[in-house]
C-alpha atoms as a PDB file:
ATOM      1  CA  MET A   1      27.051 -28.218  53.748  1.00  0.00           C
ATOM      2  CA  THR A   2      30.364 -29.894  52.913  1.00  0.00           C
ATOM      3  CA  GLU A   3      33.450 -28.801  54.837  1.00  0.00           C
ATOM      4  CA  ARG A   4      34.308 -25.677  52.869  1.00  0.00           C
ATOM      5  CA  THR A   5      36.439 -22.875  54.257  1.00  0.00           C
ATOM      6  CA  GLU A   6      34.804 -19.492  54.807  1.00  0.00           C
ATOM      7  CA  ASN A   7      36.708 -18.062  51.855  1.00  0.00           C
ATOM      8  CA  GLU A   8      35.582 -20.932  49.618  1.00  0.00           C
ATOM      9  CA  VAL A   9      31.958 -20.206  50.528  1.00  0.00           C
ATOM     10  CA  ARG A  10      32.415 -16.511  49.797  1.00  0.00           C
ATOM     11  CA  ASP A  11      34.077 -17.270  46.454  1.00  0.00           C
ATOM     12  CA  ILE A  12      31.218 -19.567  45.418  1.00  0.00           C
ATOM     13  CA  VAL A  13      28.611 -16.946  46.335  1.00  0.00           C
ATOM     14  CA  ARG A  14      30.581 -14.108  44.735  1.00  0.00           C
ATOM     15  CA  GLN A  15      30.942 -16.013  41.460  1.00  0.00           C
ATOM     16  CA  GLN A  16      27.261 -16.954  41.329  1.00  0.00           C
ATOM     17  CA  TYR A  17      25.941 -13.478  42.033  1.00  0.00           C
ATOM     18  CA  GLY A  18      28.534 -11.872  39.803  1.00  0.00           C
ATOM     19  CA  SER A  19      27.176 -13.946  36.930  1.00  0.00           C
ATOM     20  CA  ILE A  20      23.640 -12.846  37.810  1.00  0.00           C
ATOM     21  CA  ALA A  21      24.720  -9.197  37.806  1.00  0.00           C
ATOM     22  CA  ARG A  22      26.355  -9.549  34.394  1.00  0.00           C
ATOM     23  CA  ALA A  23      23.404 -11.406  32.845  1.00  0.00           C
ATOM     24  CA  THR A  24      20.311  -9.788  31.384  1.00  0.00           C
ATOM     25  CA  GLY A  25      16.775 -11.061  30.886  1.00  0.00           C
ATOM     26  CA  PRO A  26      15.977 -14.737  31.593  1.00  0.00           C
ATOM     27  CA  ALA A  27      19.674 -15.614  31.889  1.00  0.00           C
ATOM     28  CA  ALA A  28      19.727 -13.781  35.203  1.00  0.00           C
ATOM     29  CA  CYS A  29      17.466 -16.360  36.829  1.00  0.00           C
ATOM     30  CA  ALA A  30      19.051 -18.388  39.597  1.00  0.00           C
ATOM     31  CA  PRO A  31      17.841 -20.669  42.386  1.00  0.00           C
ATOM     32  CA  GLY A  32      15.840 -18.455  44.712  1.00  0.00           C
ATOM     33  CA  CYS A  33      14.925 -15.898  42.054  1.00  0.00           C
ATOM     34  CA  CYS A  34      13.058 -17.674  39.286  1.00  0.00           C
ATOM     35  CA  GLY A  35      10.208 -15.744  37.738  1.00  0.00           C
ATOM     36  CA  THR A  36      10.432 -12.093  36.824  1.00  0.00           C
ATOM     37  CA  GLY A  37      11.678  -9.698  39.472  1.00  0.00           C
ATOM     38  CA  ALA A  38       8.399  -7.778  39.320  1.00  0.00           C
ATOM     39  CA  ASP A  39       6.178 -10.833  39.755  1.00  0.00           C
ATOM     40  CA  LYS A  40       8.201 -12.154  42.643  1.00  0.00           C
ATOM     41  CA  SER A  41       8.484  -8.805  44.413  1.00  0.00           C
ATOM     42  CA  LEU A  42       4.733  -8.236  44.241  1.00  0.00           C
ATOM     43  CA  ALA A  43       4.268 -11.652  45.844  1.00  0.00           C
ATOM     44  CA  LEU A  44       6.681 -10.663  48.625  1.00  0.00           C
ATOM     45  CA  GLY A  45       4.660  -7.593  49.553  1.00  0.00           C
ATOM     46  CA  TYR A  46       6.188  -4.794  47.498  1.00  0.00           C
ATOM     47  CA  SER A  47       3.703  -2.559  45.701  1.00  0.00           C
ATOM     48  CA  ALA A  48       3.423  -1.684  42.035  1.00  0.00           C
ATOM     49  CA  GLU A  49       4.391   1.853  43.078  1.00  0.00           C
ATOM     50  CA  ASP A  50       7.595   0.483  44.640  1.00  0.00           C
ATOM     51  CA  LEU A  51       8.495  -1.311  41.421  1.00  0.00           C
ATOM     52  CA  ALA A  52       7.790   1.758  39.292  1.00  0.00           C
ATOM     53  CA  ALA A  53      10.048   3.900  41.508  1.00  0.00           C
ATOM     54  CA  VAL A  54      13.292   2.095  40.629  1.00  0.00           C
ATOM     55  CA  PRO A  55      15.185   1.880  37.325  1.00  0.00           C
ATOM     56  CA  GLU A  56      15.017  -1.250  35.196  1.00  0.00           C
ATOM     57  CA  GLY A  57      17.561  -3.750  36.450  1.00  0.00           C
ATOM     58  CA  ALA A  58      17.514  -2.610  40.087  1.00  0.00           C
ATOM     59  CA  ASN A  59      14.866  -5.171  41.071  1.00  0.00           C
ATOM     60  CA  MET A  60      16.521  -8.523  40.371  1.00  0.00           C
ATOM     61  CA  GLY A  61      14.004 -10.676  42.224  1.00  0.00           C
ATOM     62  CA  LEU A  62      16.613 -11.974  44.673  1.00  0.00           C
ATOM     63  CA  GLY A  63      14.711 -11.377  47.920  1.00  0.00           C
ATOM     64  CA  CYS A  64      12.661 -13.584  50.225  1.00  0.00           C
ATOM     65  CA  GLY A  65      10.598 -10.879  51.914  1.00  0.00           C
ATOM     66  CA  ASN A  66      10.112  -7.132  52.239  1.00  0.00           C
ATOM     67  CA  PRO A  67      12.245  -5.548  54.982  1.00  0.00           C
ATOM     68  CA  GLN A  68      10.772  -2.152  54.086  1.00  0.00           C
ATOM     69  CA  ALA A  69       7.488  -3.319  55.623  1.00  0.00           C
ATOM     70  CA  ILE A  70       9.003  -3.583  59.112  1.00  0.00           C
ATOM     71  CA  ALA A  71      11.667  -0.868  58.916  1.00  0.00           C
ATOM     72  CA  ALA A  72       9.406   2.144  59.675  1.00  0.00           C
ATOM     73  CA  LEU A  73      11.956   4.469  58.059  1.00  0.00           C
ATOM     74  CA  LYS A  74      11.838   8.150  58.950  1.00  0.00           C
ATOM     75  CA  ALA A  75      13.003  11.271  57.139  1.00  0.00           C
ATOM     76  CA  GLY A  76      16.614  12.114  57.872  1.00  0.00           C
ATOM     77  CA  GLU A  77      17.699   8.624  58.969  1.00  0.00           C
ATOM     78  CA  THR A  78      20.856   6.853  57.824  1.00  0.00           C
ATOM     79  CA  VAL A  79      20.105   3.395  56.439  1.00  0.00           C
ATOM     80  CA  LEU A  80      22.501   0.524  55.660  1.00  0.00           C
ATOM     81  CA  ASP A  81      21.544  -2.312  53.305  1.00  0.00           C
ATOM     82  CA  LEU A  82      23.551  -5.530  53.726  1.00  0.00           C
ATOM     83  CA  GLY A  83      23.939  -7.211  50.342  1.00  0.00           C
ATOM     84  CA  ALA A  84      22.536  -4.382  48.239  1.00  0.00           C
ATOM     85  CA  GLY A  85      22.529  -6.195  44.893  1.00  0.00           C
ATOM     86  CA  GLY A  86      21.226  -3.938  42.146  1.00  0.00           C
ATOM     87  CA  GLY A  87      20.070  -1.359  44.699  1.00  0.00           C
ATOM     88  CA  PHE A  88      16.329  -2.079  44.848  1.00  0.00           C
ATOM     89  CA  ASP A  89      15.827  -1.685  48.622  1.00  0.00           C
ATOM     90  CA  CYS A  90      18.359   1.164  48.737  1.00  0.00           C
ATOM     91  CA  PHE A  91      16.394   3.242  46.244  1.00  0.00           C
ATOM     92  CA  LEU A  92      13.115   2.637  48.063  1.00  0.00           C
ATOM     93  CA  ALA A  93      14.745   3.573  51.366  1.00  0.00           C
ATOM     94  CA  ALA A  94      16.243   6.728  49.811  1.00  0.00           C
ATOM     95  CA  LYS A  95      12.756   7.989  48.970  1.00  0.00           C
ATOM     96  CA  GLN A  96      11.587   7.456  52.545  1.00  0.00           C
ATOM     97  CA  VAL A  97      14.522   9.091  54.323  1.00  0.00           C
ATOM     98  CA  GLY A  98      14.518  12.038  51.897  1.00  0.00           C
ATOM     99  CA  ALA A  99      17.238  14.495  51.003  1.00  0.00           C
ATOM    100  CA  ALA A 100      18.242  14.903  54.651  1.00  0.00           C
ATOM    101  CA  GLY A 101      18.751  11.145  54.981  1.00  0.00           C
ATOM    102  CA  ARG A 102      21.374   8.806  53.623  1.00  0.00           C
ATOM    103  CA  VAL A 103      21.474   5.219  52.377  1.00  0.00           C
ATOM    104  CA  ILE A 104      24.572   3.010  52.190  1.00  0.00           C
ATOM    105  CA  GLY A 105      24.485  -0.211  50.194  1.00  0.00           C
ATOM    106  CA  VAL A 106      27.239  -2.799  50.778  1.00  0.00           C
ATOM    107  CA  ASP A 107      27.861  -5.785  48.504  1.00  0.00           C
ATOM    108  CA  MET A 108      30.892  -8.051  48.137  1.00  0.00           C
ATOM    109  CA  THR A 109      30.394  -8.568  44.392  1.00  0.00           C
ATOM    110  CA  PRO A 110      32.116  -5.959  42.181  1.00  0.00           C
ATOM    111  CA  ASP A 111      29.642  -6.544  39.332  1.00  0.00           C
ATOM    112  CA  MET A 112      26.706  -5.866  41.660  1.00  0.00           C
ATOM    113  CA  ILE A 113      28.287  -2.640  42.897  1.00  0.00           C
ATOM    114  CA  SER A 114      28.858  -1.514  39.309  1.00  0.00           C
ATOM    115  CA  LYS A 115      25.263  -2.342  38.437  1.00  0.00           C
ATOM    116  CA  ALA A 116      23.885  -0.526  41.482  1.00  0.00           C
ATOM    117  CA  ARG A 117      25.964   2.581  40.813  1.00  0.00           C
ATOM    118  CA  ALA A 118      24.819   2.648  37.204  1.00  0.00           C
ATOM    119  CA  ASN A 119      21.203   2.336  38.376  1.00  0.00           C
ATOM    120  CA  ALA A 120      21.713   5.230  40.800  1.00  0.00           C
ATOM    121  CA  GLU A 121      23.085   7.378  38.006  1.00  0.00           C
ATOM    122  CA  ARG A 122      20.099   6.614  35.774  1.00  0.00           C
ATOM    123  CA  LEU A 123      17.699   7.397  38.603  1.00  0.00           C
ATOM    124  CA  GLY A 124      19.559  10.565  39.567  1.00  0.00           C
ATOM    125  CA  THR A 125      19.677   9.512  43.218  1.00  0.00           C
ATOM    126  CA  LYS A 126      22.027  11.688  45.279  1.00  0.00           C
ATOM    127  CA  ASN A 127      21.645  10.239  48.780  1.00  0.00           C
ATOM    128  CA  VAL A 128      22.731   6.638  48.091  1.00  0.00           C
ATOM    129  CA  ASP A 129      26.327   5.394  48.377  1.00  0.00           C
ATOM    130  CA  PHE A 130      27.282   1.890  47.194  1.00  0.00           C
ATOM    131  CA  ARG A 131      30.394   0.343  48.745  1.00  0.00           C
ATOM    132  CA  LEU A 132      32.297  -2.844  47.962  1.00  0.00           C
ATOM    133  CA  GLY A 133      32.803  -4.965  51.065  1.00  0.00           C
ATOM    134  CA  GLU A 134      31.918  -8.095  52.992  1.00  0.00           C
ATOM    135  CA  ILE A 135      29.067  -7.934  55.461  1.00  0.00           C
ATOM    136  CA  GLU A 136      31.314  -9.593  58.059  1.00  0.00           C
ATOM    137  CA  HIS A 137      33.745  -6.653  57.691  1.00  0.00           C
ATOM    138  CA  LEU A 138      31.601  -3.603  56.940  1.00  0.00           C
ATOM    139  CA  PRO A 139      33.221  -0.519  55.352  1.00  0.00           C
ATOM    140  CA  VAL A 140      31.170   1.692  57.694  1.00  0.00           C
ATOM    141  CA  SER A 141      32.205   3.737  60.736  1.00  0.00           C
ATOM    142  CA  ASP A 142      31.135   2.931  64.292  1.00  0.00           C
ATOM    143  CA  ALA A 143      27.727   4.120  65.539  1.00  0.00           C
ATOM    144  CA  THR A 144      26.728   5.968  62.358  1.00  0.00           C
ATOM    145  CA  VAL A 145      23.623   4.065  61.171  1.00  0.00           C
ATOM    146  CA  ASP A 146      19.998   4.302  62.347  1.00  0.00           C
ATOM    147  CA  VAL A 147      18.530   1.276  60.536  1.00  0.00           C
ATOM    148  CA  ILE A 148      20.002  -1.849  58.930  1.00  0.00           C
ATOM    149  CA  LEU A 149      18.066  -3.585  56.163  1.00  0.00           C
ATOM    150  CA  SER A 150      18.893  -6.870  54.456  1.00  0.00           C
ATOM    151  CA  ASN A 151      16.925  -9.137  52.147  1.00  0.00           C
ATOM    152  CA  CYS A 152      17.867 -12.819  51.854  1.00  0.00           C
ATOM    153  CA  VAL A 153      21.628 -12.251  52.206  1.00  0.00           C
ATOM    154  CA  ILE A 154      22.802 -13.139  55.726  1.00  0.00           C
ATOM    155  CA  ASN A 155      22.033 -16.824  55.112  1.00  0.00           C
ATOM    156  CA  LEU A 156      24.795 -16.741  52.472  1.00  0.00           C
ATOM    157  CA  SER A 157      27.421 -15.700  55.033  1.00  0.00           C
ATOM    158  CA  PRO A 158      29.697 -18.416  56.443  1.00  0.00           C
ATOM    159  CA  ASP A 159      30.108 -16.366  59.663  1.00  0.00           C
ATOM    160  CA  LYS A 160      26.708 -15.037  60.683  1.00  0.00           C
ATOM    161  CA  ALA A 161      27.824 -14.214  64.221  1.00  0.00           C
ATOM    162  CA  ALA A 162      30.377 -11.792  62.735  1.00  0.00           C
ATOM    163  CA  VAL A 163      27.639 -10.184  60.608  1.00  0.00           C
ATOM    164  CA  PHE A 164      25.559  -9.402  63.683  1.00  0.00           C
ATOM    165  CA  ARG A 165      28.584  -8.152  65.628  1.00  0.00           C
ATOM    166  CA  GLU A 166      29.373  -5.778  62.769  1.00  0.00           C
ATOM    167  CA  ALA A 167      25.734  -4.688  62.579  1.00  0.00           C
ATOM    168  CA  TYR A 168      25.852  -3.864  66.285  1.00  0.00           C
ATOM    169  CA  ARG A 169      29.100  -1.926  65.855  1.00  0.00           C
ATOM    170  CA  VAL A 170      27.854   0.375  63.083  1.00  0.00           C
ATOM    171  CA  LEU A 171      24.411   1.051  64.575  1.00  0.00           C
ATOM    172  CA  LYS A 172      23.861   4.081  66.743  1.00  0.00           C
ATOM    173  CA  PRO A 173      22.523   3.426  70.265  1.00  0.00           C
ATOM    174  CA  GLY A 174      18.813   2.844  69.760  1.00  0.00           C
ATOM    175  CA  GLY A 175      19.380   1.747  66.159  1.00  0.00           C
ATOM    176  CA  ARG A 176      17.415  -1.159  64.789  1.00  0.00           C
ATOM    177  CA  LEU A 177      17.514  -4.168  62.465  1.00  0.00           C
ATOM    178  CA  ALA A 178      14.795  -4.820  59.868  1.00  0.00           C
ATOM    179  CA  ILE A 179      15.799  -7.972  58.019  1.00  0.00           C
ATOM    180  CA  SER A 180      14.139 -10.572  55.798  1.00  0.00           C
ATOM    181  CA  ASP A 181      16.049 -13.829  55.535  1.00  0.00           C
ATOM    182  CA  VAL A 182      15.765 -17.585  55.314  1.00  0.00           C
ATOM    183  CA  VAL A 183      15.860 -19.745  58.451  1.00  0.00           C
ATOM    184  CA  MET A 184      16.251 -23.485  58.885  1.00  0.00           C
ATOM    185  CA  LEU A 185      13.204 -25.281  60.254  1.00  0.00           C
ATOM    186  CA  LYS A 186      14.957 -28.638  60.602  1.00  0.00           C
ATOM    187  CA  PRO A 187      18.322 -30.052  59.469  1.00  0.00           C
ATOM    188  CA  LEU A 188      18.656 -30.451  55.715  1.00  0.00           C
ATOM    189  CA  PRO A 189      19.315 -33.905  54.237  1.00  0.00           C
ATOM    190  CA  PRO A 190      22.814 -34.391  52.754  1.00  0.00           C
ATOM    191  CA  SER A 191      21.411 -34.075  49.222  1.00  0.00           C
ATOM    192  CA  LEU A 192      20.555 -30.429  49.975  1.00  0.00           C
ATOM    193  CA  ALA A 193      23.107 -29.572  52.643  1.00  0.00           C
ATOM    194  CA  ASN A 194      25.984 -30.495  50.309  1.00  0.00           C
ATOM    195  CA  ASP A 195      24.521 -28.975  47.150  1.00  0.00           C
ATOM    196  CA  THR A 196      26.212 -25.848  45.799  1.00  0.00           C
ATOM    197  CA  LEU A 197      23.006 -24.638  44.131  1.00  0.00           C
ATOM    198  CA  ALA A 198      21.194 -24.996  47.442  1.00  0.00           C
ATOM    199  CA  LEU A 199      23.905 -22.848  49.038  1.00  0.00           C
ATOM    200  CA  THR A 200      23.782 -20.046  46.477  1.00  0.00           C
ATOM    201  CA  GLY A 201      20.002 -20.427  46.330  1.00  0.00           C
ATOM    202  CA  CYS A 202      19.647 -19.390  49.994  1.00  0.00           C
ATOM    203  CA  ALA A 203      18.819 -22.787  51.495  1.00  0.00           C
ATOM    204  CA  ALA A 204      21.920 -24.735  52.543  1.00  0.00           C
ATOM    205  CA  GLY A 205      23.416 -21.829  54.477  1.00  0.00           C
ATOM    206  CA  ALA A 206      20.335 -21.041  56.568  1.00  0.00           C
ATOM    207  CA  ALA A 207      20.642 -21.128  60.355  1.00  0.00           C
ATOM    208  CA  SER A 208      17.957 -22.117  62.840  1.00  0.00           C
ATOM    209  CA  VAL A 209      15.803 -19.542  64.616  1.00  0.00           C
ATOM    210  CA  GLU A 210      17.452 -20.454  67.915  1.00  0.00           C
ATOM    211  CA  THR A 211      20.935 -19.941  66.467  1.00  0.00           C
ATOM    212  CA  ILE A 212      20.035 -16.545  64.993  1.00  0.00           C
ATOM    213  CA  GLU A 213      18.476 -15.399  68.265  1.00  0.00           C
ATOM    214  CA  ARG A 214      21.600 -16.492  70.135  1.00  0.00           C
ATOM    215  CA  PHE A 215      23.928 -14.689  67.715  1.00  0.00           C
ATOM    216  CA  LEU A 216      21.880 -11.495  68.033  1.00  0.00           C
ATOM    217  CA  ARG A 217      21.873 -11.559  71.830  1.00  0.00           C
ATOM    218  CA  GLU A 218      25.573 -12.438  72.002  1.00  0.00           C
ATOM    219  CA  ALA A 219      26.274  -9.437  69.761  1.00  0.00           C
ATOM    220  CA  GLY A 220      24.510  -7.241  72.344  1.00  0.00           C
ATOM    221  CA  PHE A 221      21.080  -6.720  70.792  1.00  0.00           C
ATOM    222  CA  GLY A 222      17.875  -6.471  72.768  1.00  0.00           C
ATOM    223  CA  GLU A 223      14.194  -6.816  71.845  1.00  0.00           C
ATOM    224  CA  VAL A 224      15.131  -9.706  69.556  1.00  0.00           C
ATOM    225  CA  ARG A 225      12.270 -11.034  67.466  1.00  0.00           C
ATOM    226  CA  VAL A 226      12.418 -13.688  64.725  1.00  0.00           C
ATOM    227  CA  GLU A 227       9.062 -14.408  63.080  1.00  0.00           C
ATOM    228  CA  VAL A 228       8.846 -17.321  60.650  1.00  0.00           C
ATOM    229  CA  LYS A 229       6.604 -16.798  57.621  1.00  0.00           C
ATOM    230  CA  GLN A 230       5.163 -20.241  57.083  1.00  0.00           C
ATOM    231  CA  GLU A 231       3.364 -19.086  53.931  1.00  0.00           C
ATOM    232  CA  SER A 232       6.751 -18.452  52.327  1.00  0.00           C
ATOM    233  CA  ARG A 233       7.184 -22.186  51.847  1.00  0.00           C
ATOM    234  CA  GLU A 234       4.858 -21.900  48.856  1.00  0.00           C
ATOM    235  CA  PHE A 235       7.326 -19.832  46.834  1.00  0.00           C
ATOM    236  CA  ILE A 236      10.401 -21.540  48.322  1.00  0.00           C
ATOM    237  CA  ARG A 237       9.118 -24.746  46.731  1.00  0.00           C
ATOM    238  CA  GLU A 238       9.912 -23.183  43.351  1.00  0.00           C
ATOM    239  CA  TRP A 239      13.540 -22.423  44.235  1.00  0.00           C
ATOM    240  CA  LEU A 240      14.695 -26.024  43.807  1.00  0.00           C
ATOM    241  CA  PRO A 241      11.680 -27.839  42.309  1.00  0.00           C
ATOM    242  CA  GLY A 242      11.239 -31.418  43.396  1.00  0.00           C
ATOM    243  CA  SER A 243      13.851 -31.233  46.152  1.00  0.00           C
ATOM    244  CA  GLY A 244      11.434 -30.753  49.042  1.00  0.00           C
ATOM    245  CA  VAL A 245      13.431 -27.731  50.219  1.00  0.00           C
ATOM    246  CA  GLU A 246      10.237 -26.074  51.470  1.00  0.00           C
ATOM    247  CA  ASP A 247      10.057 -28.678  54.258  1.00  0.00           C
ATOM    248  CA  TYR A 248      13.370 -27.504  55.685  1.00  0.00           C
ATOM    249  CA  VAL A 249      13.574 -23.718  55.323  1.00  0.00           C
ATOM    250  CA  ALA A 250      11.257 -20.718  55.385  1.00  0.00           C
ATOM    251  CA  SER A 251      11.463 -16.953  55.157  1.00  0.00           C
ATOM    252  CA  ALA A 252      11.452 -14.974  58.392  1.00  0.00           C
ATOM    253  CA  THR A 253      11.655 -11.393  59.624  1.00  0.00           C
ATOM    254  CA  LEU A 254      14.445 -10.509  62.046  1.00  0.00           C
ATOM    255  CA  GLU A 255      14.097  -7.477  64.297  1.00  0.00           C
ATOM    256  CA  ALA A 256      16.327  -6.244  67.117  1.00  0.00           C
ATOM    257  CA  ILE A 257      17.417  -3.016  68.832  1.00  0.00           C
ATOM    258  CA  LYS A 258      20.843  -1.801  69.924  1.00  0.00           C
ATOM    259  CA  PRO A 259      20.287  -0.656  73.517  1.00  0.00           C
ATOM    260  CA  GLY A 260      20.605   3.029  74.355  1.00  0.00           C
ATOM    261  CA  GLY A 261      19.598   6.134  72.479  1.00  0.00           C
ATOM    262  CA  LYS A 262      16.942   8.692  73.237  1.00  0.00           C
ATOM    263  CA  ALA A 263      14.219   6.067  73.547  1.00  0.00           C
ATOM    264  CA  ALA A 264      16.037   4.618  76.572  1.00  0.00           C
ATOM    265  CA  CYS A 265      16.623   8.015  78.197  1.00  0.00           C
ATOM    266  CA  CYS A 266      13.996   9.422  80.521  1.00  0.00           C
ATOM    267  CA  GLY A 267      15.948  11.314  83.169  1.00  0.00           C
ATOM    268  CA  PRO A 268      16.166  15.087  83.639  1.00  0.00           C
ATOM    269  CA  ALA A 269      19.708  15.173  82.264  1.00  0.00           C
ATOM    270  CA  CYS A 270      18.687  14.172  78.752  1.00  0.00           C
ATOM    271  CA  CYS A 271      14.966  14.645  78.341  1.00  0.00           C
ATOM    272  CA  PRO A 272      13.532  18.122  77.834  1.00  0.00           C
ATOM    273  CA  PRO A 273      10.913  19.322  80.335  1.00  0.00           C
ATOM    274  CA  THR A 274       7.324  19.189  79.242  1.00  0.00           C
ATOM    275  CA  THR A 275       5.478  22.417  78.573  1.00  0.00           C
ATOM    276  CA  SER A 276       1.811  23.176  78.540  1.00  0.00           C
ATOM    277  CA  ALA A 277       0.080  23.960  75.304  1.00  0.00           C
END
């Protein structure tokens, strides 16, 4: 990537995704999301039932995986979605956590927040809250979230270490990450690294697996796991046709745990005694 300031990168991304939010139909297609949202999401592992559960316009086809598949959401949990877009993953999470649970979607693009809120109103969802903010500076209180989801967004951040530090801050002890994102397999050639479309199309901003693992551990996370999905290179080829981008980046799942919580407690002071049946 050319030497852009962090704010310049954010402005480029905000403008691109604002235009996607304002567009309708085929005009909404952008690098990384070509094809209909439904077709792409089915290929990423979402079900037809998932697609039918959200209002039209919520699924914008902007993902690179399915974080729901690794999140193992439970009723009553509080979920945070980094880069919520039109609200697709938020609405699916809201169904899983139920009325006793809560979902917060954060996006830095005002047009996306407006779109997501309108989708929530159409769906009649009461347990989802969409907030305008940057994922490096989350508008969320400390230690209030059980699970953090994100789908192909962290690669767009110019300060990924800050994203993971913020994720650690807002998670409760024992809270977990369930993220789909793009990782760099080997350094991009200048033709891609310096291309604005490759940046907004989720390629030029990708970090290596080793860098992501380091950022997560430096933030304080344990049980760090980054699994590259080599098969994802088939659909990544279509993001920037003819560029060879699929040789340099791939989708991956990112999982990690904030130490502490009930799972880490096994002493008499915090674990109830066992009783016979």
